[in-house]
Amino acid sequence: MPAIIEPPPEPGAPLPPLWKRLAWFAGIAAASTTVVAVVAYAMKAVLPSH
C-alpha cells in the first residue's frame, strides 16, 4: 500500500522552486479567504437582522 502522506524531506535536500512554493501559498490564501467569506455570508443569511 503506498504512503498517503509523504515524509518530511531529508536534511540538506533542495527546496522546490520558488514559483511552486509561492503558488501553494497563493492557493491556500485564496482558498481560506473564500471559505471565510462563504461562512460569513451564510451566517449573515441565517442570523436575524436588527
N, C-alpha and C. Protein backbone atom coordinates (compact mmCIF):
# COMPACT_ATOMS: atom_id res chain seq x y z
N MET A 1 0.84 -1.18 0.00
CA MET A 1 0.00 0.00 0.00
C MET A 1 0.89 1.24 0.00
N PRO A 2 0.66 2.17 -0.95
CA PRO A 2 1.50 3.37 -0.99
C PRO A 2 1.20 4.29 0.18
N ALA A 3 2.21 5.06 0.57
CA ALA A 3 2.05 6.01 1.66
C ALA A 3 1.11 7.13 1.23
N ILE A 4 0.20 7.49 2.10
CA ILE A 4 -0.75 8.56 1.80
C ILE A 4 -0.11 9.93 2.05
N ILE A 5 0.67 10.00 3.12
CA ILE A 5 1.34 11.25 3.48
C ILE A 5 2.83 11.07 3.23
N GLU A 6 3.42 12.04 2.56
CA GLU A 6 4.85 11.96 2.29
C GLU A 6 5.63 12.30 3.55
N PRO A 7 6.75 11.65 3.76
CA PRO A 7 7.58 12.01 4.91
C PRO A 7 8.25 13.36 4.67
N PRO A 8 8.77 13.98 5.71
CA PRO A 8 9.47 15.25 5.52
C PRO A 8 10.72 15.04 4.67
N PRO A 9 11.17 16.10 4.01
CA PRO A 9 12.36 15.96 3.17
C PRO A 9 13.59 15.65 4.03
N GLU A 10 14.53 15.02 3.40
CA GLU A 10 15.79 14.71 4.07
C GLU A 10 16.55 16.01 4.38
N PRO A 11 17.33 16.02 5.45
CA PRO A 11 18.15 17.22 5.72
C PRO A 11 19.10 17.49 4.56
N GLY A 12 19.15 18.73 4.15
CA GLY A 12 20.03 19.11 3.04
C GLY A 12 19.42 18.90 1.67
N ALA A 13 18.17 18.41 1.60
CA ALA A 13 17.52 18.22 0.29
C ALA A 13 17.19 19.59 -0.30
N PRO A 14 17.28 19.73 -1.61
CA PRO A 14 16.99 21.03 -2.23
C PRO A 14 15.51 21.39 -2.07
N LEU A 15 15.25 22.68 -1.92
CA LEU A 15 13.87 23.16 -1.82
C LEU A 15 13.19 23.12 -3.18
N PRO A 16 11.86 23.01 -3.21
CA PRO A 16 11.16 23.12 -4.50
C PRO A 16 11.37 24.53 -5.08
N PRO A 17 11.10 24.71 -6.36
CA PRO A 17 11.29 26.03 -6.97
C PRO A 17 10.43 27.08 -6.28
N LEU A 18 10.91 28.33 -6.33
CA LEU A 18 10.21 29.43 -5.67
C LEU A 18 8.80 29.60 -6.22
N TRP A 19 8.62 29.47 -7.53
CA TRP A 19 7.29 29.67 -8.12
C TRP A 19 6.30 28.65 -7.57
N LYS A 20 6.77 27.44 -7.32
CA LYS A 20 5.89 26.39 -6.81
C LYS A 20 5.49 26.68 -5.36
N ARG A 21 6.44 27.13 -4.56
CA ARG A 21 6.14 27.47 -3.17
C ARG A 21 5.20 28.67 -3.10
N LEU A 22 5.42 29.67 -3.96
CA LEU A 22 4.54 30.84 -3.98
C LEU A 22 3.14 30.49 -4.49
N ALA A 23 3.07 29.55 -5.44
CA ALA A 23 1.77 29.12 -5.95
C ALA A 23 0.97 28.42 -4.86
N TRP A 24 1.64 27.56 -4.08
CA TRP A 24 0.96 26.91 -2.95
C TRP A 24 0.47 27.95 -1.95
N PHE A 25 1.31 28.92 -1.64
CA PHE A 25 0.94 29.97 -0.69
C PHE A 25 -0.27 30.75 -1.20
N ALA A 26 -0.23 31.16 -2.46
CA ALA A 26 -1.33 31.93 -3.04
C ALA A 26 -2.61 31.10 -3.08
N GLY A 27 -2.49 29.83 -3.43
CA GLY A 27 -3.67 28.97 -3.48
C GLY A 27 -4.30 28.77 -2.11
N ILE A 28 -3.48 28.53 -1.11
CA ILE A 28 -4.01 28.35 0.24
C ILE A 28 -4.62 29.64 0.75
N ALA A 29 -3.98 30.78 0.48
CA ALA A 29 -4.53 32.07 0.90
C ALA A 29 -5.87 32.35 0.23
N ALA A 30 -5.98 32.09 -1.07
CA ALA A 30 -7.23 32.32 -1.79
C ALA A 30 -8.33 31.38 -1.31
N ALA A 31 -7.99 30.12 -1.07
CA ALA A 31 -8.98 29.16 -0.60
C ALA A 31 -9.48 29.53 0.79
N SER A 32 -8.58 29.93 1.69
CA SER A 32 -9.01 30.29 3.04
C SER A 32 -9.86 31.55 3.03
N THR A 33 -9.52 32.52 2.19
CA THR A 33 -10.33 33.73 2.09
C THR A 33 -11.72 33.41 1.57
N THR A 34 -11.80 32.52 0.59
CA THR A 34 -13.09 32.12 0.04
C THR A 34 -13.93 31.40 1.09
N VAL A 35 -13.33 30.51 1.84
CA VAL A 35 -14.07 29.78 2.87
C VAL A 35 -14.58 30.74 3.94
N VAL A 36 -13.76 31.67 4.37
CA VAL A 36 -14.20 32.64 5.39
C VAL A 36 -15.34 33.48 4.85
N ALA A 37 -15.28 33.91 3.61
CA ALA A 37 -16.36 34.71 3.02
C ALA A 37 -17.65 33.90 2.93
N VAL A 38 -17.57 32.65 2.50
CA VAL A 38 -18.76 31.81 2.39
C VAL A 38 -19.40 31.61 3.76
N VAL A 39 -18.60 31.33 4.77
CA VAL A 39 -19.13 31.13 6.11
C VAL A 39 -19.75 32.42 6.64
N ALA A 40 -19.10 33.54 6.41
CA ALA A 40 -19.63 34.82 6.89
C ALA A 40 -20.97 35.14 6.23
N TYR A 41 -21.07 34.97 4.93
CA TYR A 41 -22.33 35.26 4.24
C TYR A 41 -23.42 34.25 4.64
N ALA A 42 -23.05 33.01 4.88
CA ALA A 42 -24.03 32.02 5.34
C ALA A 42 -24.55 32.39 6.72
N MET A 43 -23.67 32.81 7.61
CA MET A 43 -24.10 33.24 8.94
C MET A 43 -24.97 34.48 8.87
N LYS A 44 -24.61 35.40 7.99
CA LYS A 44 -25.39 36.63 7.83
C LYS A 44 -26.80 36.29 7.31
N ALA A 45 -26.91 35.31 6.45
CA ALA A 45 -28.19 34.93 5.88
C ALA A 45 -29.07 34.21 6.93
N VAL A 46 -28.44 33.47 7.84
CA VAL A 46 -29.18 32.69 8.81
C VAL A 46 -29.58 33.50 10.04
N LEU A 47 -28.69 34.37 10.48
CA LEU A 47 -28.96 35.14 11.70
C LEU A 47 -29.98 36.25 11.43
N PRO A 48 -30.85 36.51 12.40
CA PRO A 48 -31.84 37.58 12.21
C PRO A 48 -31.16 38.96 12.24
N SER A 49 -31.67 39.85 11.46
CA SER A 49 -31.11 41.22 11.45
C SER A 49 -31.89 42.09 12.43
N HIS A 50 -31.27 43.13 12.88
CA HIS A 50 -31.89 44.01 13.88
C HIS A 50 -32.67 45.10 13.21
